[in-house]
């Protein structure tokens, strides 16, 4: 059981944005598919017609989904 718990935390820490993967907000709302991944690992998505770069340090892998710790409104404010 501890090994499983450790594996879960490792996957959350090692979230890697991939082009085409759906990005989900902290509350579970779908934000959009990753359009591009920057050299530093940030995910770029197009949301409401705007290109937005979501910082790599906000990304994690929750339940197999690429998730940001930001809300949709916070992501929209990044543009």
Protein backbone atom coordinates (compact mmCIF):
# COMPACT_ATOMS: atom_id res chain seq x y z
CA UNK A 1 0.00 0.00 0.00
CA UNK A 2 2.74 2.58 0.77
CA UNK A 3 4.35 1.75 -2.58
CA UNK A 4 1.03 2.45 -4.34
CA UNK A 5 0.66 5.74 -2.49
CA UNK A 6 4.19 6.69 -3.45
CA UNK A 7 3.52 5.80 -7.09
CA UNK A 8 0.47 8.06 -7.07
CA UNK A 9 2.43 11.03 -5.74
CA UNK A 10 5.20 10.39 -8.29
CA UNK A 11 2.75 10.48 -11.20
CA UNK A 12 1.20 13.70 -9.88
CA UNK A 13 4.61 15.33 -9.58
CA UNK A 14 5.70 14.14 -13.02
CA UNK A 15 2.77 15.48 -15.05
CA UNK A 16 3.93 16.09 -18.58
CA UNK A 17 1.79 18.12 -20.95
CA UNK A 18 1.29 16.44 -24.31
CA UNK A 19 -0.01 18.02 -27.49
CA UNK A 20 -3.65 17.06 -27.99
CA UNK A 21 -4.25 16.06 -24.37
CA UNK A 22 -7.26 17.65 -22.66
CA UNK A 23 -6.37 20.12 -19.90
CA UNK A 24 -8.75 20.22 -16.95
CA UNK A 25 -9.17 23.03 -14.39
CA UNK A 26 -8.87 22.53 -10.64
CA UNK A 27 -12.65 22.17 -10.33
CA UNK A 28 -12.82 19.55 -13.10
CA UNK A 29 -13.97 21.89 -15.89
CA UNK A 30 -12.52 21.08 -19.32
CA UNK A 31 -10.35 23.96 -20.53
CA UNK A 32 -9.21 22.70 -23.92
CA UNK A 33 -6.74 20.50 -25.70
CA UNK A 34 -3.05 21.28 -25.41
CA UNK A 35 -2.11 23.10 -28.62
CA UNK A 36 1.61 23.27 -27.92
CA UNK A 37 4.06 22.45 -25.14
CA UNK A 38 6.73 25.09 -24.48
CA UNK A 39 10.39 24.11 -23.85
CA UNK A 40 9.88 24.65 -20.10
CA UNK A 41 6.91 22.24 -20.05
CA UNK A 42 4.10 24.81 -19.93
CA UNK A 43 0.91 23.91 -21.80
CA UNK A 44 -0.48 26.31 -24.37
CA UNK A 45 -4.21 26.07 -25.02
CA UNK A 46 -6.66 28.11 -27.04
CA UNK A 47 -9.54 29.18 -24.83
CA UNK A 48 -12.24 31.66 -25.82
CA UNK A 49 -10.25 32.40 -28.99
CA UNK A 50 -7.08 33.32 -27.08
CA UNK A 51 -3.76 31.49 -26.79
CA UNK A 52 -3.03 31.01 -23.10
CA UNK A 53 0.13 29.53 -21.58
CA UNK A 54 -0.55 27.54 -18.42
CA UNK A 55 2.63 27.35 -16.31
CA UNK A 56 4.20 23.91 -15.94
CA UNK A 57 4.36 24.28 -12.15
CA UNK A 58 0.53 24.31 -11.99
CA UNK A 59 0.16 21.01 -13.89
CA UNK A 60 -0.41 17.62 -12.33
CA UNK A 61 -1.87 14.27 -13.30
CA UNK A 62 -5.09 13.56 -11.38
CA UNK A 63 -6.98 10.36 -12.11
CA UNK A 64 -5.16 10.09 -15.43
CA UNK A 65 -6.14 13.62 -16.47
CA UNK A 66 -3.79 16.54 -17.11
CA UNK A 67 -4.97 19.03 -14.49
CA UNK A 68 -3.96 22.57 -13.58
CA UNK A 69 -4.27 23.89 -10.04
CA UNK A 70 -5.81 27.04 -11.54
CA UNK A 71 -9.50 27.70 -12.08
CA UNK A 72 -10.89 28.57 -15.51
CA UNK A 73 -11.09 32.26 -14.52
CA UNK A 74 -7.45 32.22 -13.39
CA UNK A 75 -6.42 30.61 -16.70
CA UNK A 76 -8.38 33.23 -18.65
CA UNK A 77 -6.55 35.95 -16.69
CA UNK A 78 -3.16 34.58 -17.85
CA UNK A 79 -3.45 35.80 -21.45
